[in-house]
Every structure is written in C-alpha cells, then in structure tokens.
Amino acid sequence: MEGADWLRTQLTAFGCSSCGNTYRRSQIRVLAHKEELWFVRLSCARCGEQTDAIVTIEVDDGDHAAIDAGELGSARVPLEVAGNSDTPVTADDVLAVHEFLGGFDGDFRRLFGEAG
C-alpha cells in the first residue's frame, strides 16, 4: 500500500473534531501533496463537518512513519451536501494548489499568523 492509500488507512484512526466519529477511508480525500506534505479533506458522515488538513509524514531511519495532522479549518456542511462526493476536482483547483505549493516554504506560522 503506497502513498494516498496508505495515508487514508492511517487517518481512519483520527476522529471528527466536532463529534468524535472516526473517518472511513471513503471519507478521506487527498487534495494534493508535495514531498512530505499532504493536503486532505475529511468529511464526517455523522455530523456533516468537513475539515481540510495539512498532514506531515516523517519517516525515521528505521522506516517508521509519524503523522502530524494540523487542522487548516472546517465548515459545517448539510448532510445532503457532505454525502455528495461526486463533485470532481477541476483543472483550476489543481492549478491553484500547484501554484500554492510551488511557492510555499513550509512556514505555517507565518502563513496563518502566530496563535496568541
């Protein structure tokens, strides 16, 4: 199991930040990735919460992986919308993420501002 499939399996251990319900693989959408950074959308079937997250995967010398999922933001979405995962990613979506990642230096504190 490689890449996105492996990550989806690992993220099934995480729970919804709103209701605590764990995610199924089908509720985890990989939006983009660059090196060890993965952008994912987690959709909760129970409460309709959608969370976008940046996941960092670090592999040590013993080939053990550690996952850090920093939450970007979330939005409550009506269940009838949250259940519709048929909305395709457009070329503009891919281009926007590509352009962002091309210039992103990994400094999340600067990007989002210091939490105070």
PDB file of N, CA and C in Angstrom:
ATOM      1  N   MET A   1       0.859  -1.167   0.000  1.00  0.00           N
ATOM      2  CA  MET A   1       0.000   0.000   0.000  1.00  0.00           C
ATOM      3  C   MET A   1       0.906   1.230   0.000  1.00  0.00           C
ATOM      4  N   GLU A   2       0.711   2.090  -0.964  1.00  0.00           N
ATOM      5  CA  GLU A   2       1.594   3.237  -1.115  1.00  0.00           C
ATOM      6  C   GLU A   2       0.830   4.557  -1.080  1.00  0.00           C
ATOM      7  N   GLY A   3       1.552   5.615  -0.781  1.00  0.00           N
ATOM      8  CA  GLY A   3       1.075   6.979  -0.920  1.00  0.00           C
ATOM      9  C   GLY A   3      -0.288   7.280  -0.334  1.00  0.00           C
ATOM     10  N   ALA A   4      -1.190   7.722  -1.209  1.00  0.00           N
ATOM     11  CA  ALA A   4      -2.511   8.175  -0.784  1.00  0.00           C
ATOM     12  C   ALA A   4      -3.311   7.071  -0.103  1.00  0.00           C
ATOM     13  N   ASP A   5      -3.226   5.842  -0.607  1.00  0.00           N
ATOM     14  CA  ASP A   5      -3.955   4.734   0.021  1.00  0.00           C
ATOM     15  C   ASP A   5      -3.452   4.482   1.437  1.00  0.00           C
ATOM     16  N   TRP A   6      -2.140   4.496   1.614  1.00  0.00           N
ATOM     17  CA  TRP A   6      -1.557   4.300   2.944  1.00  0.00           C
ATOM     18  C   TRP A   6      -2.012   5.410   3.892  1.00  0.00           C
ATOM     19  N   LEU A   7      -1.973   6.654   3.407  1.00  0.00           N
ATOM     20  CA  LEU A   7      -2.365   7.784   4.243  1.00  0.00           C
ATOM     21  C   LEU A   7      -3.836   7.682   4.652  1.00  0.00           C
ATOM     22  N   ARG A   8      -4.711   7.344   3.720  1.00  0.00           N
ATOM     23  CA  ARG A   8      -6.131   7.189   4.059  1.00  0.00           C
ATOM     24  C   ARG A   8      -6.314   6.153   5.169  1.00  0.00           C
ATOM     25  N   THR A   9      -5.603   5.042   5.063  1.00  0.00           N
ATOM     26  CA  THR A   9      -5.703   3.995   6.087  1.00  0.00           C
ATOM     27  C   THR A   9      -5.254   4.523   7.444  1.00  0.00           C
ATOM     28  N   GLN A  10      -4.160   5.282   7.483  1.00  0.00           N
ATOM     29  CA  GLN A  10      -3.655   5.825   8.746  1.00  0.00           C
ATOM     30  C   GLN A  10      -4.631   6.828   9.351  1.00  0.00           C
ATOM     31  N   LEU A  11      -5.259   7.642   8.509  1.00  0.00           N
ATOM     32  CA  LEU A  11      -6.148   8.691   9.005  1.00  0.00           C
ATOM     33  C   LEU A  11      -7.482   8.162   9.517  1.00  0.00           C
ATOM     34  N   THR A  12      -7.776   6.883   9.290  1.00  0.00           N
ATOM     35  CA  THR A  12      -9.008   6.319   9.849  1.00  0.00           C
ATOM     36  C   THR A  12      -8.933   6.242  11.375  1.00  0.00           C
ATOM     37  N   ALA A  13      -7.758   6.431  11.945  1.00  0.00           N
ATOM     38  CA  ALA A  13      -7.611   6.453  13.403  1.00  0.00           C
ATOM     39  C   ALA A  13      -8.001   7.810  13.989  1.00  0.00           C
ATOM     40  N   PHE A  14      -8.144   8.827  13.141  1.00  0.00           N
ATOM     41  CA  PHE A  14      -8.491  10.163  13.605  1.00  0.00           C
ATOM     42  C   PHE A  14     -10.000  10.306  13.703  1.00  0.00           C
ATOM     43  N   GLY A  15     -10.441  11.147  14.629  1.00  0.00           N
ATOM     44  CA  GLY A  15     -11.867  11.400  14.805  1.00  0.00           C
ATOM     45  C   GLY A  15     -12.236  12.811  14.392  1.00  0.00           C
ATOM     46  N   CYS A  16     -13.488  13.002  14.064  1.00  0.00           N
ATOM     47  CA  CYS A  16     -14.040  14.302  13.699  1.00  0.00           C
ATOM     48  C   CYS A  16     -13.835  15.282  14.855  1.00  0.00           C
ATOM     49  N   SER A  17     -13.380  16.485  14.547  1.00  0.00           N
ATOM     50  CA  SER A  17     -13.147  17.486  15.590  1.00  0.00           C
ATOM     51  C   SER A  17     -14.450  17.998  16.196  1.00  0.00           C
ATOM     52  N   SER A  18     -15.560  17.752  15.525  1.00  0.00           N
ATOM     53  CA  SER A  18     -16.848  18.216  16.028  1.00  0.00           C
ATOM     54  C   SER A  18     -17.563  17.174  16.879  1.00  0.00           C
ATOM     55  N   CYS A  19     -17.649  15.928  16.379  1.00  0.00           N
ATOM     56  CA  CYS A  19     -18.437  14.909  17.091  1.00  0.00           C
ATOM     57  C   CYS A  19     -17.625  13.699  17.545  1.00  0.00           C
ATOM     58  N   GLY A  20     -16.368  13.586  17.107  1.00  0.00           N
ATOM     59  CA  GLY A  20     -15.515  12.481  17.530  1.00  0.00           C
ATOM     60  C   GLY A  20     -15.642  11.212  16.706  1.00  0.00           C
ATOM     61  N   ASN A  21     -16.577  11.165  15.770  1.00  0.00           N
ATOM     62  CA  ASN A  21     -16.764   9.992  14.921  1.00  0.00           C
ATOM     63  C   ASN A  21     -15.497   9.736  14.095  1.00  0.00           C
ATOM     64  N   THR A  22     -15.052   8.485  14.023  1.00  0.00           N
ATOM     65  CA  THR A  22     -13.866   8.182  13.221  1.00  0.00           C
ATOM     66  C   THR A  22     -14.234   8.165  11.742  1.00  0.00           C
ATOM     67  N   TYR A  23     -13.243   8.472  10.920  1.00  0.00           N
ATOM     68  CA  TYR A  23     -13.443   8.551   9.475  1.00  0.00           C
ATOM     69  C   TYR A  23     -13.248   7.187   8.823  1.00  0.00           C
ATOM     70  N   ARG A  24     -13.998   6.939   7.768  1.00  0.00           N
ATOM     71  CA  ARG A  24     -13.763   5.777   6.911  1.00  0.00           C
ATOM     72  C   ARG A  24     -12.887   6.245   5.753  1.00  0.00           C
ATOM     73  N   ARG A  25     -12.202   5.300   5.126  1.00  0.00           N
ATOM     74  CA  ARG A  25     -11.314   5.644   4.005  1.00  0.00           C
ATOM     75  C   ARG A  25     -12.049   6.448   2.933  1.00  0.00           C
ATOM     76  N   SER A  26     -13.307   6.108   2.678  1.00  0.00           N
ATOM     77  CA  SER A  26     -14.076   6.785   1.631  1.00  0.00           C
ATOM     78  C   SER A  26     -14.397   8.236   1.988  1.00  0.00           C
ATOM     79  N   GLN A  27     -14.209   8.619   3.244  1.00  0.00           N
ATOM     80  CA  GLN A  27     -14.489   9.984   3.691  1.00  0.00           C
ATOM     81  C   GLN A  27     -13.232  10.845   3.726  1.00  0.00           C
ATOM     82  N   ILE A  28     -12.127  10.293   3.266  1.00  0.00           N
ATOM     83  CA  ILE A  28     -10.845  10.999   3.285  1.00  0.00           C
ATOM     84  C   ILE A  28     -10.400  11.209   1.846  1.00  0.00           C
ATOM     85  N   ARG A  29     -10.336  12.480   1.455  1.00  0.00           N
ATOM     86  CA  ARG A  29      -9.970  12.815   0.071  1.00  0.00           C
ATOM     87  C   ARG A  29      -8.619  13.519   0.069  1.00  0.00           C
ATOM     88  N   VAL A  30      -7.680  12.986  -0.682  1.00  0.00           N
ATOM     89  CA  VAL A  30      -6.373  13.621  -0.824  1.00  0.00           C
ATOM     90  C   VAL A  30      -6.509  14.685  -1.906  1.00  0.00           C
ATOM     91  N   LEU A  31      -6.270  15.940  -1.528  1.00  0.00           N
ATOM     92  CA  LEU A  31      -6.403  17.047  -2.464  1.00  0.00           C
ATOM     93  C   LEU A  31      -5.119  17.281  -3.251  1.00  0.00           C
ATOM     94  N   ALA A  32      -3.983  17.168  -2.567  1.00  0.00           N
ATOM     95  CA  ALA A  32      -2.684  17.396  -3.212  1.00  0.00           C
ATOM     96  C   ALA A  32      -1.588  16.976  -2.247  1.00  0.00           C
ATOM     97  N   HIS A  33      -0.384  16.819  -2.788  1.00  0.00           N
ATOM     98  CA  HIS A  33       0.762  16.601  -1.906  1.00  0.00           C
ATOM     99  C   HIS A  33       2.041  17.062  -2.587  1.00  0.00           C
ATOM    100  N   LYS A  34       2.998  17.401  -1.747  1.00  0.00           N
ATOM    101  CA  LYS A  34       4.330  17.782  -2.211  1.00  0.00           C
ATOM    102  C   LYS A  34       5.300  17.297  -1.155  1.00  0.00           C
ATOM    103  N   GLU A  35       6.164  16.371  -1.559  1.00  0.00           N
ATOM    104  CA  GLU A  35       7.123  15.756  -0.652  1.00  0.00           C
ATOM    105  C   GLU A  35       6.399  15.178   0.552  1.00  0.00           C
ATOM    106  N   GLU A  36       6.721  15.635   1.774  1.00  0.00           N
ATOM    107  CA  GLU A  36       6.099  15.046   2.961  1.00  0.00           C
ATOM    108  C   GLU A  36       4.803  15.750   3.374  1.00  0.00           C
ATOM    109  N   LEU A  37       4.373  16.778   2.650  1.00  0.00           N
ATOM    110  CA  LEU A  37       3.140  17.498   2.968  1.00  0.00           C
ATOM    111  C   LEU A  37       1.974  16.976   2.130  1.00  0.00           C
ATOM    112  N   TRP A  38       0.879  16.655   2.800  1.00  0.00           N
ATOM    113  CA  TRP A  38      -0.336  16.175   2.134  1.00  0.00           C
ATOM    114  C   TRP A  38      -1.492  17.072   2.542  1.00  0.00           C
ATOM    115  N   PHE A  39      -2.297  17.491   1.581  1.00  0.00           N
ATOM    116  CA  PHE A  39      -3.493  18.277   1.846  1.00  0.00           C
ATOM    117  C   PHE A  39      -4.684  17.341   1.693  1.00  0.00           C
ATOM    118  N   VAL A  40      -5.486  17.213   2.750  1.00  0.00           N
ATOM    119  CA  VAL A  40      -6.604  16.269   2.735  1.00  0.00           C
ATOM    120  C   VAL A  40      -7.896  16.954   3.166  1.00  0.00           C
ATOM    121  N   ARG A  41      -9.008  16.397   2.725  1.00  0.00           N
ATOM    122  CA  ARG A  41     -10.334  16.824   3.178  1.00  0.00           C
ATOM    123  C   ARG A  41     -10.988  15.636   3.856  1.00  0.00           C
ATOM    124  N   LEU A  42     -11.380  15.835   5.111  1.00  0.00           N
ATOM    125  CA  LEU A  42     -12.031  14.804   5.914  1.00  0.00           C
ATOM    126  C   LEU A  42     -13.507  15.172   6.031  1.00  0.00           C
ATOM    127  N   SER A  43     -14.397  14.265   5.641  1.00  0.00           N
ATOM    128  CA  SER A  43     -15.838  14.521   5.675  1.00  0.00           C
ATOM    129  C   SER A  43     -16.497  13.555   6.643  1.00  0.00           C
ATOM    130  N   CYS A  44     -17.164  14.093   7.650  1.00  0.00           N
ATOM    131  CA  CYS A  44     -17.808  13.265   8.668  1.00  0.00           C
ATOM    132  C   CYS A  44     -19.215  12.886   8.224  1.00  0.00           C
ATOM    133  N   ALA A  45     -19.482  11.592   8.182  1.00  0.00           N
ATOM    134  CA  ALA A  45     -20.805  11.105   7.793  1.00  0.00           C
ATOM    135  C   ALA A  45     -21.834  11.345   8.889  1.00  0.00           C
ATOM    136  N   ARG A  46     -21.384  11.435  10.133  1.00  0.00           N
ATOM    137  CA  ARG A  46     -22.330  11.580  11.248  1.00  0.00           C
ATOM    138  C   ARG A  46     -22.880  13.005  11.348  1.00  0.00           C
ATOM    139  N   CYS A  47     -22.007  14.011  11.389  1.00  0.00           N
ATOM    140  CA  CYS A  47     -22.472  15.382  11.653  1.00  0.00           C
ATOM    141  C   CYS A  47     -22.368  16.318  10.450  1.00  0.00           C
ATOM    142  N   GLY A  48     -21.717  15.884   9.369  1.00  0.00           N
ATOM    143  CA  GLY A  48     -21.608  16.722   8.183  1.00  0.00           C
ATOM    144  C   GLY A  48     -20.430  17.675   8.183  1.00  0.00           C
ATOM    145  N   GLU A  49     -19.609  17.646   9.228  1.00  0.00           N
ATOM    146  CA  GLU A  49     -18.441  18.521   9.316  1.00  0.00           C
ATOM    147  C   GLU A  49     -17.432  18.141   8.234  1.00  0.00           C
ATOM    148  N   GLN A  50     -16.884  19.152   7.552  1.00  0.00           N
ATOM    149  CA  GLN A  50     -15.792  18.929   6.613  1.00  0.00           C
ATOM    150  C   GLN A  50     -14.584  19.682   7.130  1.00  0.00           C
ATOM    151  N   THR A  51     -13.456  18.996   7.193  1.00  0.00           N
ATOM    152  CA  THR A  51     -12.232  19.592   7.693  1.00  0.00           C
ATOM    153  C   THR A  51     -11.141  19.437   6.651  1.00  0.00           C
ATOM    154  N   ASP A  52     -10.482  20.544   6.318  1.00  0.00           N
ATOM    155  CA  ASP A  52      -9.304  20.497   5.467  1.00  0.00           C
ATOM    156  C   ASP A  52      -8.095  20.495   6.383  1.00  0.00           C
ATOM    157  N   ALA A  53      -7.148  19.615   6.101  1.00  0.00           N
ATOM    158  CA  ALA A  53      -5.979  19.495   6.970  1.00  0.00           C
ATOM    159  C   ALA A  53      -4.713  19.342   6.150  1.00  0.00           C
ATOM    160  N   ILE A  54      -3.628  19.797   6.722  1.00  0.00           N
ATOM    161  CA  ILE A  54      -2.301  19.538   6.174  1.00  0.00           C
ATOM    162  C   ILE A  54      -1.707  18.438   7.034  1.00  0.00           C
ATOM    163  N   VAL A  55      -1.301  17.374   6.404  1.00  0.00           N
ATOM    164  CA  VAL A  55      -0.728  16.231   7.107  1.00  0.00           C
ATOM    165  C   VAL A  55       0.744  16.143   6.737  1.00  0.00           C
ATOM    166  N   THR A  56       1.591  16.066   7.741  1.00  0.00           N
ATOM    167  CA  THR A  56       3.023  15.908   7.528  1.00  0.00           C
ATOM    168  C   THR A  56       3.406  14.486   7.903  1.00  0.00           C
ATOM    169  N   ILE A  57       4.109  13.815   7.013  1.00  0.00           N
ATOM    170  CA  ILE A  57       4.573  12.456   7.276  1.00  0.00           C
ATOM    171  C   ILE A  57       6.087  12.490   7.371  1.00  0.00           C
ATOM    172  N   GLU A  58       6.601  12.037   8.506  1.00  0.00           N
ATOM    173  CA  GLU A  58       8.043  11.966   8.708  1.00  0.00           C
ATOM    174  C   GLU A  58       8.439  10.511   8.884  1.00  0.00           C
ATOM    175  N   VAL A  59       9.434  10.065   8.119  1.00  0.00           N
ATOM    176  CA  VAL A  59       9.914   8.689   8.195  1.00  0.00           C
ATOM    177  C   VAL A  59      11.296   8.711   8.826  1.00  0.00           C
ATOM    178  N   ASP A  60      11.483   7.900   9.890  1.00  0.00           N
ATOM    179  CA  ASP A  60      12.789   7.854  10.544  1.00  0.00           C
ATOM    180  C   ASP A  60      13.689   6.831   9.852  1.00  0.00           C
ATOM    181  N   ASP A  61      14.900   6.673  10.361  1.00  0.00           N
ATOM    182  CA  ASP A  61      15.870   5.759   9.749  1.00  0.00           C
ATOM    183  C   ASP A  61      15.401   4.312   9.758  1.00  0.00           C
ATOM    184  N   GLY A  62      14.529   3.948  10.689  1.00  0.00           N
ATOM    185  CA  GLY A  62      14.015   2.583  10.773  1.00  0.00           C
ATOM    186  C   GLY A  62      12.764   2.374   9.939  1.00  0.00           C
ATOM    187  N   ASP A  63      12.476   3.292   9.021  1.00  0.00           N
ATOM    188  CA  ASP A  63      11.289   3.236   8.162  1.00  0.00           C
ATOM    189  C   ASP A  63       9.983   3.255   8.953  1.00  0.00           C
ATOM    190  N   HIS A  64       9.985   3.902  10.117  1.00  0.00           N
ATOM    191  CA  HIS A  64       8.763   4.102  10.890  1.00  0.00           C
ATOM    192  C   HIS A  64       8.241   5.497  10.569  1.00  0.00           C
ATOM    193  N   ALA A  65       6.953   5.609  10.311  1.00  0.00           N
ATOM    194  CA  ALA A  65       6.365   6.890   9.932  1.00  0.00           C
ATOM    195  C   ALA A  65       5.605   7.504  11.094  1.00  0.00           C
ATOM    196  N   ALA A  66       5.725   8.820  11.220  1.00  0.00           N
ATOM    197  CA  ALA A  66       4.942   9.583  12.192  1.00  0.00           C
ATOM    198  C   ALA A  66       4.085  10.569  11.419  1.00  0.00           C
ATOM    199  N   ILE A  67       2.823  10.696  11.813  1.00  0.00           N
ATOM    200  CA  ILE A  67       1.892  11.580  11.118  1.00  0.00           C
ATOM    201  C   ILE A  67       1.507  12.724  12.037  1.00  0.00           C
ATOM    202  N   ASP A  68       1.584  13.950  11.504  1.00  0.00           N
ATOM    203  CA  ASP A  68       1.114  15.135  12.215  1.00  0.00           C
ATOM    204  C   ASP A  68       0.048  15.775  11.337  1.00  0.00           C
ATOM    205  N   ALA A  69      -1.193  15.812  11.812  1.00  0.00           N
ATOM    206  CA  ALA A  69      -2.299  16.388  11.044  1.00  0.00           C
ATOM    207  C   ALA A  69      -2.698  17.714  11.661  1.00  0.00           C
ATOM    208  N   GLY A  70      -2.205  18.793  11.092  1.00  0.00           N
ATOM    209  CA  GLY A  70      -2.567  20.120  11.579  1.00  0.00           C
ATOM    210  C   GLY A  70      -3.827  20.592  10.881  1.00  0.00           C
ATOM    211  N   GLU A  71      -4.818  20.986  11.660  1.00  0.00           N
ATOM    212  CA  GLU A  71      -6.098  21.382  11.070  1.00  0.00           C
ATOM    213  C   GLU A  71      -5.996  22.762  10.435  1.00  0.00           C
ATOM    214  N   LEU A  72      -6.438  22.867   9.186  1.00  0.00           N
ATOM    215  CA  LEU A  72      -6.496  24.154   8.495  1.00  0.00           C
ATOM    216  C   LEU A  72      -7.774  24.894   8.823  1.00  0.00           C
ATOM    217  N   GLY A  73      -8.858  24.197   8.773  1.00  0.00           N
ATOM    218  CA  GLY A  73     -10.137  24.834   9.022  1.00  0.00           C
ATOM    219  C   GLY A  73     -11.247  23.847   8.775  1.00  0.00           C
ATOM    220  N   SER A  74     -12.418  24.197   9.215  1.00  0.00           N
ATOM    221  CA  SER A  74     -13.543  23.307   8.998  1.00  0.00           C
ATOM    222  C   SER A  74     -14.784  24.128   8.726  1.00  0.00           C
ATOM    223  N   ALA A  75     -15.744  23.492   8.122  1.00  0.00           N
ATOM    224  CA  ALA A  75     -17.005  24.152   7.827  1.00  0.00           C
ATOM    225  C   ALA A  75     -18.125  23.147   7.980  1.00  0.00           C
ATOM    226  N   ARG A  76     -19.193  23.565   8.635  1.00  0.00           N
ATOM    227  CA  ARG A  76     -20.342  22.674   8.759  1.00  0.00           C
ATOM    228  C   ARG A  76     -21.072  22.691   7.423  1.00  0.00           C
ATOM    229  N   VAL A  77     -21.352  21.504   6.920  1.00  0.00           N
ATOM    230  CA  VAL A  77     -21.995  21.342   5.623  1.00  0.00           C
ATOM    231  C   VAL A  77     -23.230  20.489   5.828  1.00  0.00           C
ATOM    232  N   PRO A  78     -24.364  20.847   5.223  1.00  0.00           N
ATOM    233  CA  PRO A  78     -25.549  19.997   5.364  1.00  0.00           C
ATOM    234  C   PRO A  78     -25.253  18.571   4.920  1.00  0.00           C
ATOM    235  N   LEU A  79     -25.845  17.598   5.607  1.00  0.00           N
ATOM    236  CA  LEU A  79     -25.561  16.196   5.312  1.00  0.00           C
ATOM    237  C   LEU A  79     -25.811  15.836   3.859  1.00  0.00           C
ATOM    238  N   GLU A  80     -26.840  16.413   3.244  1.00  0.00           N
ATOM    239  CA  GLU A  80     -27.110  16.054   1.852  1.00  0.00           C
ATOM    240  C   GLU A  80     -26.003  16.545   0.924  1.00  0.00           C
ATOM    241  N   VAL A  81     -25.302  17.605   1.312  1.00  0.00           N
ATOM    242  CA  VAL A  81     -24.166  18.081   0.525  1.00  0.00           C
ATOM    243  C   VAL A  81     -22.914  17.288   0.874  1.00  0.00           C
ATOM    244  N   ALA A  82     -22.676  17.057   2.164  1.00  0.00           N
ATOM    245  CA  ALA A  82     -21.482  16.335   2.606  1.00  0.00           C
ATOM    246  C   ALA A  82     -21.448  14.930   2.030  1.00  0.00           C
ATOM    247  N   GLY A  83     -22.610  14.315   1.851  1.00  0.00           N
ATOM    248  CA  GLY A  83     -22.656  12.961   1.320  1.00  0.00           C
ATOM    249  C   GLY A  83     -22.388  12.887  -0.164  1.00  0.00           C
ATOM    250  N   ASN A  84     -22.357  14.023  -0.846  1.00  0.00           N
ATOM    251  CA  ASN A  84     -22.143  14.038  -2.288  1.00  0.00           C
ATOM    252  C   ASN A  84     -20.669  14.246  -2.578  1.00  0.00           C
ATOM    253  N   SER A  85     -19.950  13.155  -2.772  1.00  0.00           N
ATOM    254  CA  SER A  85     -18.522  13.255  -3.075  1.00  0.00           C
ATOM    255  C   SER A  85     -18.278  13.127  -4.571  1.00  0.00           C
ATOM    256  N   ASP A  86     -19.336  13.319  -5.367  1.00  0.00           N
ATOM    257  CA  ASP A  86     -19.215  13.194  -6.813  1.00  0.00           C
ATOM    258  C   ASP A  86     -18.735  14.475  -7.475  1.00  0.00           C
ATOM    259  N   THR A  87     -18.558  15.552  -6.706  1.00  0.00           N
ATOM    260  CA  THR A  87     -18.086  16.796  -7.278  1.00  0.00           C
ATOM    261  C   THR A  87     -16.631  16.627  -7.690  1.00  0.00           C
ATOM    262  N   PRO A  88     -16.362  16.721  -8.979  1.00  0.00           N
ATOM    263  CA  PRO A  88     -14.988  16.487  -9.431  1.00  0.00           C
ATOM    264  C   PRO A  88     -14.065  17.662  -9.112  1.00  0.00           C
ATOM    265  N   VAL A  89     -12.807  17.353  -8.951  1.00  0.00           N
ATOM    266  CA  VAL A  89     -11.786  18.377  -8.818  1.00  0.00           C
ATOM    267  C   VAL A  89     -11.564  18.938 -10.213  1.00  0.00           C
ATOM    268  N   THR A  90     -11.614  20.248 -10.329  1.00  0.00           N
ATOM    269  CA  THR A  90     -11.454  20.872 -11.640  1.00  0.00           C
ATOM    270  C   THR A  90      -9.982  21.153 -11.923  1.00  0.00           C
ATOM    271  N   ALA A  91      -9.696  21.450 -13.164  1.00  0.00           N
ATOM    272  CA  ALA A  91      -8.333  21.817 -13.547  1.00  0.00           C
ATOM    273  C   ALA A  91      -7.895  23.077 -12.803  1.00  0.00           C
ATOM    274  N   ASP A  92      -8.822  24.006 -12.584  1.00  0.00           N
ATOM    275  CA  ASP A  92      -8.499  25.221 -11.835  1.00  0.00           C
ATOM    276  C   ASP A  92      -8.125  24.906 -10.388  1.00  0.00           C
ATOM    277  N   ASP A  93      -8.809  23.925  -9.773  1.00  0.00           N
ATOM    278  CA  ASP A  93      -8.472  23.506  -8.408  1.00  0.00           C
ATOM    279  C   ASP A  93      -7.047  22.976  -8.347  1.00  0.00           C
ATOM    280  N   VAL A  94      -6.722  22.114  -9.277  1.00  0.00           N
ATOM    281  CA  VAL A  94      -5.386  21.514  -9.317  1.00  0.00           C
ATOM    282  C   VAL A  94      -4.330  22.583  -9.559  1.00  0.00           C
ATOM    283  N   LEU A  95      -4.602  23.490 -10.485  1.00  0.00           N
ATOM    284  CA  LEU A  95      -3.654  24.558 -10.786  1.00  0.00           C
ATOM    285  C   LEU A  95      -3.440  25.468  -9.576  1.00  0.00           C
ATOM    286  N   ALA A  96      -4.506  25.795  -8.868  1.00  0.00           N
ATOM    287  CA  ALA A  96      -4.387  26.662  -7.693  1.00  0.00           C
ATOM    288  C   ALA A  96      -3.522  26.016  -6.612  1.00  0.00           C
ATOM    289  N   VAL A  97      -3.734  24.730  -6.344  1.00  0.00           N
ATOM    290  CA  VAL A  97      -2.924  24.036  -5.340  1.00  0.00           C
ATOM    291  C   VAL A  97      -1.481  23.918  -5.819  1.00  0.00           C
ATOM    292  N   HIS A  98      -1.293  23.628  -7.096  1.00  0.00           N
ATOM    293  CA  HIS A  98       0.056  23.519  -7.666  1.00  0.00           C
ATOM    294  C   HIS A  98       0.817  24.840  -7.505  1.00  0.00           C
ATOM    295  N   GLU A  99       0.159  25.941  -7.836  1.00  0.00           N
ATOM    296  CA  GLU A  99       0.808  27.246  -7.717  1.00  0.00           C
ATOM    297  C   GLU A  99       1.123  27.577  -6.258  1.00  0.00           C
ATOM    298  N   PHE A 100       0.193  27.258  -5.364  1.00  0.00           N
ATOM    299  CA  PHE A 100       0.438  27.496  -3.942  1.00  0.00           C
ATOM    300  C   PHE A 100       1.637  26.695  -3.456  1.00  0.00           C
ATOM    301  N   LEU A 101       1.658  25.404  -3.760  1.00  0.00           N
ATOM    302  CA  LEU A 101       2.746  24.545  -3.290  1.00  0.00           C
ATOM    303  C   LEU A 101       4.082  24.935  -3.908  1.00  0.00           C
ATOM    304  N   GLY A 102       4.057  25.432  -5.139  1.00  0.00           N
ATOM    305  CA  GLY A 102       5.290  25.835  -5.806  1.00  0.00           C
ATOM    306  C   GLY A 102       6.020  26.952  -5.080  1.00  0.00           C
ATOM    307  N   GLY A 103       5.270  27.841  -4.426  1.00  0.00           N
ATOM    308  CA  GLY A 103       5.888  28.952  -3.728  1.00  0.00           C
ATOM    309  C   GLY A 103       5.868  28.835  -2.216  1.00  0.00           C
ATOM    310  N   PHE A 104       5.329  27.735  -1.701  1.00  0.00           N
ATOM    311  CA  PHE A 104       5.191  27.580  -0.252  1.00  0.00           C
ATOM    312  C   PHE A 104       6.492  27.071   0.348  1.00  0.00           C
ATOM    313  N   ASP A 105       6.971  27.770   1.398  1.00  0.00           N
ATOM    314  CA  ASP A 105       8.242  27.398   2.024  1.00  0.00           C
ATOM    315  C   ASP A 105       8.076  26.539   3.274  1.00  0.00           C
ATOM    316  N   GLY A 106       6.835  26.200   3.630  1.00  0.00           N
ATOM    317  CA  GLY A 106       6.600  25.349   4.791  1.00  0.00           C
ATOM    318  C   GLY A 106       6.430  26.095   6.100  1.00  0.00           C
ATOM    319  N   ASP A 107       6.477  27.422   6.067  1.00  0.00           N
ATOM    320  CA  ASP A 107       6.356  28.218   7.291  1.00  0.00           C
ATOM    321  C   ASP A 107       4.879  28.486   7.587  1.00  0.00           C
ATOM    322  N   PHE A 108       4.242  27.571   8.333  1.00  0.00           N
ATOM    323  CA  PHE A 108       2.821  27.689   8.642  1.00  0.00           C
ATOM    324  C   PHE A 108       2.542  28.816   9.627  1.00  0.00           C
ATOM    325  N   ARG A 109       3.475  29.077  10.523  1.00  0.00           N
ATOM    326  CA  ARG A 109       3.267  30.164  11.489  1.00  0.00           C
ATOM    327  C   ARG A 109       3.140  31.498  10.760  1.00  0.00           C
ATOM    328  N   ARG A 110       3.981  31.717   9.786  1.00  0.00           N
ATOM    329  CA  ARG A 110       3.911  32.961   9.017  1.00  0.00           C
ATOM    330  C   ARG A 110       2.647  32.980   8.164  1.00  0.00           C
ATOM    331  N   LEU A 111       2.299  31.851   7.569  1.00  0.00           N
ATOM    332  CA  LEU A 111       1.131  31.763   6.694  1.00  0.00           C
ATOM    333  C   LEU A 111      -0.158  32.082   7.443  1.00  0.00           C
ATOM    334  N   PHE A 112      -0.326  31.508   8.642  1.00  0.00           N
ATOM    335  CA  PHE A 112      -1.558  31.671   9.397  1.00  0.00           C
ATOM    336  C   PHE A 112      -1.448  32.692  10.523  1.00  0.00           C
ATOM    337  N   GLY A 113      -0.255  33.208  10.759  1.00  0.00           N
ATOM    338  CA  GLY A 113      -0.056  34.137  11.866  1.00  0.00           C
ATOM    339  C   GLY A 113       0.163  33.376  13.158  1.00  0.00           C
ATOM    340  N   GLU A 114       0.905  33.962  14.054  1.00  0.00           N
ATOM    341  CA  GLU A 114       1.167  33.340  15.357  1.00  0.00           C
ATOM    342  C   GLU A 114      -0.124  33.242  16.143  1.00  0.00           C
ATOM    343  N   ALA A 115      -0.382  32.069  16.712  1.00  0.00           N
ATOM    344  CA  ALA A 115      -1.538  31.907  17.602  1.00  0.00           C
ATOM    345  C   ALA A 115      -1.187  32.545  18.935  1.00  0.00           C
ATOM    346  N   GLY A 116      -2.066  33.402  19.442  1.00  0.00           N
ATOM    347  CA  GLY A 116      -1.715  34.092  20.664  1.00  0.00           C
ATOM    348  C   GLY A 116      -2.669  34.002  21.710  1.00  0.00           C
TER     349      GLY A 116
END
